[in-house]
Amino acid sequence: MTYSLLGVGYHNFAELNLAAENVRKGQDCIPYVRGKAYLAAREGSKAAGEFQKIIDHHSMGLNPVGALAHLGLARAFALQADAVKAKTAYQDFLNLWKDADPDIPILKEAKVEYAKLRSRNTI
């Protein structure tokens, strides 16, 4: 049986509990929500700063918000038209989720966004 929290699949209940505890503590939720708000406002630089805080200051471990921060960072860099940094952040996110269920909507979206970015910057 697979368990899910914030779109991330866990293979056993112990992993899920640890991830849920990290989310309950709110370790990364405030900068994550702020980053998402900046993305919605199309303020890429401010969004990138919030997502980078999560990546820099918290162990990734089993925290789903930490993994999603890489996707937020990729989207922030894309808003800033920084294709090189956006590609790297998308690759980081996709690598973290390489074993995830391929039908998770946010993973599908990230793959499509990454493919579009790569096709726009290919000669």
C-alpha atoms as a PDB file:
ATOM      1  CA  MET A   1       0.000   0.000   0.000  1.00  0.00           C
ATOM      2  CA  THR A   2       1.202   3.500  -0.807  1.00  0.00           C
ATOM      3  CA  TYR A   3       0.324   6.540   1.313  1.00  0.00           C
ATOM      4  CA  SER A   4       0.251  10.101   0.032  1.00  0.00           C
ATOM      5  CA  LEU A   5       0.834  13.537   1.572  1.00  0.00           C
ATOM      6  CA  LEU A   6       0.875  16.757  -0.490  1.00  0.00           C
ATOM      7  CA  GLY A   7       1.229  14.717  -3.664  1.00  0.00           C
ATOM      8  CA  VAL A   8       4.217  12.675  -2.487  1.00  0.00           C
ATOM      9  CA  GLY A   9       3.892   8.903  -2.200  1.00  0.00           C
ATOM     10  CA  TYR A  10       5.318   6.974   0.761  1.00  0.00           C
ATOM     11  CA  HIS A  11       5.812   3.218   0.829  1.00  0.00           C
ATOM     12  CA  ASN A  12       5.123   2.698   4.506  1.00  0.00           C
ATOM     13  CA  PHE A  13       3.181   4.322   7.266  1.00  0.00           C
ATOM     14  CA  ALA A  14       6.303   5.274   9.259  1.00  0.00           C
ATOM     15  CA  GLU A  15       7.604   7.426   6.385  1.00  0.00           C
ATOM     16  CA  LEU A  16       4.207   9.068   6.035  1.00  0.00           C
ATOM     17  CA  ASN A  17       4.041   9.823   9.762  1.00  0.00           C
ATOM     18  CA  LEU A  18       7.479  11.451   9.724  1.00  0.00           C
ATOM     19  CA  ALA A  19       6.546  13.628   6.747  1.00  0.00           C
ATOM     20  CA  ALA A  20       3.218  14.566   8.333  1.00  0.00           C
ATOM     21  CA  GLU A  21       4.965  15.548  11.567  1.00  0.00           C
ATOM     22  CA  ASN A  22       7.302  17.855   9.635  1.00  0.00           C
ATOM     23  CA  VAL A  23       4.323  19.489   7.938  1.00  0.00           C
ATOM     24  CA  ARG A  24       2.420  19.794  11.236  1.00  0.00           C
ATOM     25  CA  LYS A  25       5.393  21.578  12.768  1.00  0.00           C
ATOM     26  CA  GLY A  26       5.110  24.071   9.936  1.00  0.00           C
ATOM     27  CA  GLN A  27       8.847  23.990   9.305  1.00  0.00           C
ATOM     28  CA  ASP A  28       8.594  24.952   5.679  1.00  0.00           C
ATOM     29  CA  CYS A  29       4.962  25.885   5.179  1.00  0.00           C
ATOM     30  CA  ILE A  30       5.143  29.655   5.682  1.00  0.00           C
ATOM     31  CA  PRO A  31       7.898  30.345   3.115  1.00  0.00           C
ATOM     32  CA  TYR A  32       6.277  27.818   0.783  1.00  0.00           C
ATOM     33  CA  VAL A  33       2.880  29.526   0.899  1.00  0.00           C
ATOM     34  CA  ARG A  34       4.548  32.923   0.547  1.00  0.00           C
ATOM     35  CA  GLY A  35       6.526  31.622  -2.450  1.00  0.00           C
ATOM     36  CA  LYS A  36       3.345  30.300  -4.070  1.00  0.00           C
ATOM     37  CA  ALA A  37       1.690  33.695  -3.527  1.00  0.00           C
ATOM     38  CA  TYR A  38       4.620  35.471  -5.171  1.00  0.00           C
ATOM     39  CA  LEU A  39       4.416  33.071  -8.114  1.00  0.00           C
ATOM     40  CA  ALA A  40       0.725  33.852  -8.492  1.00  0.00           C
ATOM     41  CA  ALA A  41       1.576  37.567  -8.431  1.00  0.00           C
ATOM     42  CA  ARG A  42       4.261  36.882 -11.082  1.00  0.00           C
ATOM     43  CA  GLU A  43       7.015  38.148  -8.770  1.00  0.00           C
ATOM     44  CA  GLY A  44       9.654  35.587  -9.685  1.00  0.00           C
ATOM     45  CA  SER A  45      12.534  37.080  -7.732  1.00  0.00           C
ATOM     46  CA  LYS A  46      10.617  37.215  -4.455  1.00  0.00           C
ATOM     47  CA  ALA A  47       9.223  33.713  -5.038  1.00  0.00           C
ATOM     48  CA  ALA A  48      12.703  32.341  -5.700  1.00  0.00           C
ATOM     49  CA  GLY A  49      13.920  33.837  -2.428  1.00  0.00           C
ATOM     50  CA  GLU A  50      11.194  32.087  -0.431  1.00  0.00           C
ATOM     51  CA  PHE A  51      11.726  28.696  -2.058  1.00  0.00           C
ATOM     52  CA  GLN A  52      15.492  29.020  -1.687  1.00  0.00           C
ATOM     53  CA  LYS A  53      15.041  29.580   2.070  1.00  0.00           C
ATOM     54  CA  ILE A  54      13.409  26.165   2.332  1.00  0.00           C
ATOM     55  CA  ILE A  55      16.104  24.456   0.296  1.00  0.00           C
ATOM     56  CA  ASP A  56      18.977  26.166   2.134  1.00  0.00           C
ATOM     57  CA  HIS A  57      17.785  25.912   5.704  1.00  0.00           C
ATOM     58  CA  HIS A  58      15.974  22.624   6.059  1.00  0.00           C
ATOM     59  CA  SER A  59      17.021  19.057   5.574  1.00  0.00           C
ATOM     60  CA  MET A  60      15.151  17.540   2.673  1.00  0.00           C
ATOM     61  CA  GLY A  61      14.579  14.174   4.332  1.00  0.00           C
ATOM     62  CA  LEU A  62      11.043  13.015   3.821  1.00  0.00           C
ATOM     63  CA  ASN A  63       9.539  16.501   3.864  1.00  0.00           C
ATOM     64  CA  PRO A  64       7.248  16.920   0.849  1.00  0.00           C
ATOM     65  CA  VAL A  65       7.304  20.722   1.112  1.00  0.00           C
ATOM     66  CA  GLY A  66      11.080  20.658   0.752  1.00  0.00           C
ATOM     67  CA  ALA A  67      10.824  18.660  -2.449  1.00  0.00           C
ATOM     68  CA  LEU A  68       8.094  20.933  -3.810  1.00  0.00           C
ATOM     69  CA  ALA A  69      10.305  23.953  -3.109  1.00  0.00           C
ATOM     70  CA  HIS A  70      12.520  22.825  -5.997  1.00  0.00           C
ATOM     71  CA  LEU A  71       9.539  22.978  -8.342  1.00  0.00           C
ATOM     72  CA  GLY A  72       8.579  26.395  -7.016  1.00  0.00           C
ATOM     73  CA  LEU A  73      12.141  27.570  -7.540  1.00  0.00           C
ATOM     74  CA  ALA A  74      12.087  26.269 -11.126  1.00  0.00           C
ATOM     75  CA  ARG A  75       8.880  28.137 -11.823  1.00  0.00           C
ATOM     76  CA  ALA A  76      10.279  31.305 -10.235  1.00  0.00           C
ATOM     77  CA  PHE A  77      13.387  31.163 -12.399  1.00  0.00           C
ATOM     78  CA  ALA A  78      11.225  30.550 -15.473  1.00  0.00           C
ATOM     79  CA  LEU A  79       9.230  33.695 -14.627  1.00  0.00           C
ATOM     80  CA  GLN A  80      12.513  35.589 -14.524  1.00  0.00           C
ATOM     81  CA  ALA A  81      13.471  34.133 -17.922  1.00  0.00           C
ATOM     82  CA  ASP A  82      16.517  32.437 -16.404  1.00  0.00           C
ATOM     83  CA  ALA A  83      16.373  29.226 -18.412  1.00  0.00           C
ATOM     84  CA  VAL A  84      19.653  27.801 -17.104  1.00  0.00           C
ATOM     85  CA  LYS A  85      18.652  28.047 -13.433  1.00  0.00           C
ATOM     86  CA  ALA A  86      15.085  26.952 -14.208  1.00  0.00           C
ATOM     87  CA  LYS A  87      16.322  23.806 -15.982  1.00  0.00           C
ATOM     88  CA  THR A  88      18.579  22.938 -13.056  1.00  0.00           C
ATOM     89  CA  ALA A  89      15.766  23.382 -10.533  1.00  0.00           C
ATOM     90  CA  TYR A  90      13.365  21.299 -12.656  1.00  0.00           C
ATOM     91  CA  GLN A  91      16.013  18.574 -12.904  1.00  0.00           C
ATOM     92  CA  ASP A  92      16.476  18.658  -9.111  1.00  0.00           C
ATOM     93  CA  PHE A  93      12.739  18.308  -8.562  1.00  0.00           C
ATOM     94  CA  LEU A  94      12.359  15.522 -11.119  1.00  0.00           C
ATOM     95  CA  ASN A  95      15.309  13.674  -9.627  1.00  0.00           C
ATOM     96  CA  LEU A  96      13.765  13.879  -6.138  1.00  0.00           C
ATOM     97  CA  TRP A  97      10.501  12.509  -7.546  1.00  0.00           C
ATOM     98  CA  LYS A  98      12.013   9.936  -9.893  1.00  0.00           C
ATOM     99  CA  ASP A  99      10.297   7.071  -8.027  1.00  0.00           C
ATOM    100  CA  ALA A 100       6.963   8.853  -7.565  1.00  0.00           C
ATOM    101  CA  ASP A 101       3.727   7.676  -9.134  1.00  0.00           C
ATOM    102  CA  PRO A 102       3.886   9.090 -12.693  1.00  0.00           C
ATOM    103  CA  ASP A 103       0.186   9.945 -12.583  1.00  0.00           C
ATOM    104  CA  ILE A 104       0.525  12.540  -9.808  1.00  0.00           C
ATOM    105  CA  PRO A 105      -0.843  15.745 -11.388  1.00  0.00           C
ATOM    106  CA  ILE A 106       1.884  18.083 -10.131  1.00  0.00           C
ATOM    107  CA  LEU A 107       4.583  15.734 -11.442  1.00  0.00           C
ATOM    108  CA  LYS A 108       2.875  15.609 -14.840  1.00  0.00           C
ATOM    109  CA  GLU A 109       2.701  19.424 -14.874  1.00  0.00           C
ATOM    110  CA  ALA A 110       6.379  19.723 -13.977  1.00  0.00           C
ATOM    111  CA  LYS A 111       7.384  17.335 -16.772  1.00  0.00           C
ATOM    112  CA  VAL A 112       5.364  19.315 -19.319  1.00  0.00           C
ATOM    113  CA  GLU A 113       6.805  22.644 -18.113  1.00  0.00           C
ATOM    114  CA  TYR A 114      10.345  21.240 -18.219  1.00  0.00           C
ATOM    115  CA  ALA A 115       9.849  19.855 -21.732  1.00  0.00           C
ATOM    116  CA  LYS A 116       8.551  23.237 -22.948  1.00  0.00           C
ATOM    117  CA  LEU A 117      11.510  25.015 -21.383  1.00  0.00           C
ATOM    118  CA  ARG A 118      13.963  22.619 -23.011  1.00  0.00           C
ATOM    119  CA  SER A 119      12.302  22.910 -26.437  1.00  0.00           C
ATOM    120  CA  ARG A 120      12.339  26.731 -26.330  1.00  0.00           C
ATOM    121  CA  ASN A 121      16.057  26.785 -25.611  1.00  0.00           C
ATOM    122  CA  THR A 122      17.218  24.176 -28.097  1.00  0.00           C
ATOM    123  CA  ILE A 123      18.805  25.191 -31.375  1.00  0.00           C
END
